[in-house]
Structures are given as C-alpha cells and as structure tokens.
C-alpha cells in the first residue's frame, strides 16, 4: 500500500510515535482501527471500545461517584478570586 502524505505531517508523526515508543506503522494502524471501531459501534451500542491512544492518556486519578463537580468548581472560583 502506498500513501501520499505531507512531509511535515510525516515528520511530526514520526516524532510523536518515537516519543510514545511505538512505530509509525503501529500508530497509523491504531488510528485506523479506532475509526473502524467507531463506525462499527454505531450499530452495536452494547460495547464501547476505547482506543489504545486514549487509554495511554489516563492519569490514574479516580473521582468518587458522588462528586459534585459544580460545587467543587464554584469553590475553586471562590478561592481564586476572593
């Protein structure tokens, strides 16, 4: 298969792949797979799959299920501006 891509995009993608310790081929395969999964999920709503890239962004921080985000944000604003 041959793909024609902008040289700057290729260079930036190679750098990105390198910093994430994976090959450019694997990076592209993961992206294309996420598109295919996304397309397939429109008919199958029972299972939502998260791409490896999105999983890699996880911070490991867990929030309580009953967290009142509006209250927390309002408290943050009060501390910041008052």
C-alpha atoms as a PDB file:
ATOM      1  CA  UNK A   1       0.000   0.000   0.000  1.00  0.00           C
ATOM      2  CA  UNK A   2       1.239   3.488  -0.806  1.00  0.00           C
ATOM      3  CA  UNK A   3       0.029   6.604   0.962  1.00  0.00           C
ATOM      4  CA  UNK A   4       0.848  10.143  -0.077  1.00  0.00           C
ATOM      5  CA  UNK A   5       1.183  12.461   2.898  1.00  0.00           C
ATOM      6  CA  UNK A   6       2.630  15.885   3.562  1.00  0.00           C
ATOM      7  CA  UNK A   7       6.305  15.634   4.601  1.00  0.00           C
ATOM      8  CA  UNK A   8       5.781  17.866   7.654  1.00  0.00           C
ATOM      9  CA  UNK A   9       2.936  15.644   8.833  1.00  0.00           C
ATOM     10  CA  UNK A  10       5.098  12.550   8.404  1.00  0.00           C
ATOM     11  CA  UNK A  11       7.995  14.123  10.317  1.00  0.00           C
ATOM     12  CA  UNK A  12       5.746  15.206  13.189  1.00  0.00           C
ATOM     13  CA  UNK A  13       4.042  11.808  13.278  1.00  0.00           C
ATOM     14  CA  UNK A  14       7.420  10.043  13.389  1.00  0.00           C
ATOM     15  CA  UNK A  15       8.481  12.255  16.279  1.00  0.00           C
ATOM     16  CA  UNK A  16       5.199  11.616  18.097  1.00  0.00           C
ATOM     17  CA  UNK A  17       5.498   7.857  17.562  1.00  0.00           C
ATOM     18  CA  UNK A  18       9.090   7.900  18.782  1.00  0.00           C
ATOM     19  CA  UNK A  19       8.242   9.770  21.979  1.00  0.00           C
ATOM     20  CA  UNK A  20       5.462   7.249  22.647  1.00  0.00           C
ATOM     21  CA  UNK A  21       7.813   4.314  21.976  1.00  0.00           C
ATOM     22  CA  UNK A  22       5.927   2.884  19.022  1.00  0.00           C
ATOM     23  CA  UNK A  23       6.416   2.643  15.296  1.00  0.00           C
ATOM     24  CA  UNK A  24       4.730   4.977  12.863  1.00  0.00           C
ATOM     25  CA  UNK A  25       3.052   1.943  11.280  1.00  0.00           C
ATOM     26  CA  UNK A  26       1.583   0.913  14.644  1.00  0.00           C
ATOM     27  CA  UNK A  27       0.424   4.462  15.322  1.00  0.00           C
ATOM     28  CA  UNK A  28      -1.374   4.635  11.977  1.00  0.00           C
ATOM     29  CA  UNK A  29      -2.826   1.149  12.446  1.00  0.00           C
ATOM     30  CA  UNK A  30      -4.201   2.137  15.875  1.00  0.00           C
ATOM     31  CA  UNK A  31      -5.756   5.261  14.450  1.00  0.00           C
ATOM     32  CA  UNK A  32      -7.370   3.422  11.538  1.00  0.00           C
ATOM     33  CA  UNK A  33      -8.595   0.724  13.896  1.00  0.00           C
ATOM     34  CA  UNK A  34     -10.219   3.371  16.097  1.00  0.00           C
ATOM     35  CA  UNK A  35     -12.073   4.671  13.036  1.00  0.00           C
ATOM     36  CA  UNK A  36     -13.297   1.204  12.114  1.00  0.00           C
ATOM     37  CA  UNK A  37     -14.386   0.509  15.688  1.00  0.00           C
ATOM     38  CA  UNK A  38     -16.145   3.875  15.783  1.00  0.00           C
ATOM     39  CA  UNK A  39     -18.041   3.047  12.579  1.00  0.00           C
ATOM     40  CA  UNK A  40     -18.970  -0.406  13.839  1.00  0.00           C
ATOM     41  CA  UNK A  41     -20.165   0.913  17.190  1.00  0.00           C
ATOM     42  CA  UNK A  42     -22.985   2.868  15.557  1.00  0.00           C
ATOM     43  CA  UNK A  43     -24.852  -0.390  15.025  1.00  0.00           C
ATOM     44  CA  UNK A  44     -23.615  -2.147  18.171  1.00  0.00           C
ATOM     45  CA  UNK A  45     -24.219   0.092  21.184  1.00  0.00           C
ATOM     46  CA  UNK A  46     -23.695  -2.705  23.724  1.00  0.00           C
ATOM     47  CA  UNK A  47     -19.922  -2.327  23.863  1.00  0.00           C
ATOM     48  CA  UNK A  48     -17.846   0.848  23.706  1.00  0.00           C
ATOM     49  CA  UNK A  49     -14.181   0.297  22.889  1.00  0.00           C
ATOM     50  CA  UNK A  50     -11.530   2.800  23.904  1.00  0.00           C
ATOM     51  CA  UNK A  51      -8.530   3.145  21.635  1.00  0.00           C
ATOM     52  CA  UNK A  52      -5.044   2.428  22.927  1.00  0.00           C
ATOM     53  CA  UNK A  53      -4.131   6.079  22.385  1.00  0.00           C
ATOM     54  CA  UNK A  54      -6.951   7.303  24.621  1.00  0.00           C
ATOM     55  CA  UNK A  55      -6.053   4.699  27.240  1.00  0.00           C
ATOM     56  CA  UNK A  56      -2.477   5.991  27.192  1.00  0.00           C
ATOM     57  CA  UNK A  57      -3.774   9.419  28.253  1.00  0.00           C
ATOM     58  CA  UNK A  58      -5.161   8.053  31.514  1.00  0.00           C
ATOM     59  CA  UNK A  59      -3.836   9.837  34.593  1.00  0.00           C
ATOM     60  CA  UNK A  60      -4.808   7.157  37.077  1.00  0.00           C
ATOM     61  CA  UNK A  61      -6.823   9.668  39.103  1.00  0.00           C
ATOM     62  CA  UNK A  62     -10.167   8.324  40.316  1.00  0.00           C
ATOM     63  CA  UNK A  63     -13.019  10.523  41.491  1.00  0.00           C
ATOM     64  CA  UNK A  64     -15.851   9.487  43.810  1.00  0.00           C
ATOM     65  CA  UNK A  65     -19.107   8.669  42.027  1.00  0.00           C
ATOM     66  CA  UNK A  66     -20.987  11.216  44.160  1.00  0.00           C
ATOM     67  CA  UNK A  67     -18.590  14.110  43.457  1.00  0.00           C
ATOM     68  CA  UNK A  68     -20.482  17.369  42.908  1.00  0.00           C
ATOM     69  CA  UNK A  69     -18.372  18.938  40.151  1.00  0.00           C
ATOM     70  CA  UNK A  70     -20.330  22.207  40.077  1.00  0.00           C
ATOM     71  CA  UNK A  71     -19.851  22.671  43.811  1.00  0.00           C
ATOM     72  CA  UNK A  72     -16.128  21.889  43.542  1.00  0.00           C
ATOM     73  CA  UNK A  73     -15.671  24.284  40.622  1.00  0.00           C
ATOM     74  CA  UNK A  74     -17.576  27.052  42.425  1.00  0.00           C
ATOM     75  CA  UNK A  75     -15.339  26.506  45.476  1.00  0.00           C
ATOM     76  CA  UNK A  76     -12.281  26.746  43.233  1.00  0.00           C
ATOM     77  CA  UNK A  77     -13.506  30.045  41.777  1.00  0.00           C
ATOM     78  CA  UNK A  78     -14.196  31.436  45.259  1.00  0.00           C
ATOM     79  CA  UNK A  79     -10.648  30.590  46.359  1.00  0.00           C
ATOM     80  CA  UNK A  80      -9.170  32.034  43.207  1.00  0.00           C
ATOM     81  CA  UNK A  81     -10.981  35.346  43.108  1.00  0.00           C
ATOM     82  CA  UNK A  82     -11.842  36.112  46.725  1.00  0.00           C
END
